Amino acid sequence: MNQQEFEAGLLREGYQVFLGGMGVNAVIPKHGHDMVERYMAIGGEMIIAQDGNAQIMGPGDSSTVGPNDRHAGHLRASGGKLRKGICTV
């Protein structure tokens, strides 16, 4: 799936779409939300950790985090850019 298809799917499903980016070696502490989040990496490399598992994401990879699922992130040395869709439940 490419970026346009990912975004079109998010919009069809009622998500709001955001472009995000973080600096090299940025760390996102463990946290949770009361909504579903879907991510697609569009540049760089990032790690999403939840439930004791780590998913390494590069361009074109996607991930979903459910409501109230605690998760954390880390952007590797290449930094990272992502599309993020959020949908309140």
Protein backbone atom coordinates (compact mmCIF):
# COMPACT_ATOMS: atom_id res chain seq x y z
CA MET A 1 0.00 0.00 0.00
CA ASN A 2 1.34 3.44 -0.83
CA GLN A 3 0.86 6.71 1.07
CA GLN A 4 -2.10 7.87 -1.04
CA GLU A 5 -3.95 4.57 -0.55
CA PHE A 6 -3.22 4.66 3.20
CA GLU A 7 -4.58 8.21 3.54
CA ALA A 8 -7.65 7.46 1.40
CA GLY A 9 -8.44 4.46 3.61
CA LEU A 10 -8.08 6.55 6.76
CA LEU A 11 -10.45 9.19 5.43
CA ARG A 12 -12.99 6.56 4.30
CA GLU A 13 -12.95 5.11 7.82
CA GLY A 14 -13.50 8.51 9.46
CA TYR A 15 -9.96 9.19 10.65
CA GLN A 16 -8.33 12.62 10.81
CA VAL A 17 -4.99 12.56 8.97
CA PHE A 18 -1.81 14.28 10.18
CA LEU A 19 1.74 14.54 8.96
CA GLY A 20 4.19 14.06 11.80
CA GLY A 21 7.92 14.09 12.06
CA MET A 22 10.46 13.85 14.77
CA GLY A 23 14.16 14.50 15.01
CA VAL A 24 17.01 12.06 14.96
CA ASN A 25 17.04 9.73 17.98
CA ALA A 26 13.79 11.22 19.34
CA VAL A 27 12.16 9.14 22.08
CA ILE A 28 8.43 9.09 22.69
CA PRO A 29 7.80 7.88 26.26
CA LYS A 30 5.24 5.17 26.99
CA HIS A 31 1.73 6.59 26.83
CA GLY A 32 -1.82 5.76 25.77
CA HIS A 33 -4.83 7.42 24.14
CA ASP A 34 -8.57 6.92 24.26
CA MET A 35 -8.65 6.55 20.48
CA VAL A 36 -7.34 4.30 17.73
CA GLU A 37 -4.14 5.46 16.02
CA ARG A 38 -2.86 4.17 12.69
CA TYR A 39 0.61 5.04 11.46
CA MET A 40 2.49 4.77 8.18
CA ALA A 41 6.18 5.56 8.04
CA ILE A 42 6.93 7.75 5.03
CA GLY A 43 10.60 8.43 5.74
CA GLY A 44 13.36 7.40 8.09
CA GLU A 45 13.02 4.55 10.52
CA MET A 46 11.11 4.26 13.76
CA ILE A 47 10.33 1.65 16.39
CA ILE A 48 6.87 1.32 17.93
CA ALA A 49 6.86 -0.76 21.11
CA GLN A 50 3.69 -2.12 22.72
CA ASP A 51 2.74 -5.22 24.70
CA GLY A 52 6.39 -6.22 25.01
CA ASN A 53 6.87 -6.31 21.23
CA ALA A 54 8.83 -3.88 19.08
CA GLN A 55 7.97 -3.19 15.44
CA ILE A 56 10.71 -1.62 13.33
CA MET A 57 9.06 0.53 10.68
CA GLY A 58 10.56 1.91 7.51
CA PRO A 59 8.93 3.75 4.60
CA GLY A 60 5.66 2.09 3.61
CA ASP A 61 5.24 0.11 6.85
CA SER A 62 2.12 0.69 8.92
CA SER A 63 0.91 -0.07 12.43
CA THR A 64 -2.27 0.26 14.48
CA VAL A 65 -2.48 1.09 18.18
CA GLY A 66 -5.81 0.43 19.86
CA PRO A 67 -7.57 2.66 22.38
CA ASN A 68 -5.82 2.73 25.75
CA ASP A 69 -2.98 0.48 24.47
CA ARG A 70 0.21 1.75 26.09
CA HIS A 71 2.96 2.26 23.54
CA ALA A 72 6.27 4.06 23.07
CA GLY A 73 8.40 5.09 20.12
CA HIS A 74 11.98 5.73 19.12
CA LEU A 75 13.25 7.36 15.95
CA ARG A 76 16.54 5.92 14.83
CA ALA A 77 19.56 7.87 13.62
CA SER A 78 17.84 8.59 10.29
CA GLY A 79 14.96 10.42 11.97
CA GLY A 80 11.44 9.72 10.83
CA LYS A 81 8.37 11.10 9.12
CA LEU A 82 4.98 9.52 9.33
CA ARG A 83 1.35 9.88 8.45
CA LYS A 84 -0.86 9.40 11.45
CA GLY A 85 -4.56 8.81 11.46
CA ILE A 86 -6.57 9.12 14.63
CA CYS A 87 -10.16 8.06 15.14
CA THR A 88 -12.11 8.53 18.35
CA VAL A 89 -14.01 5.47 19.45
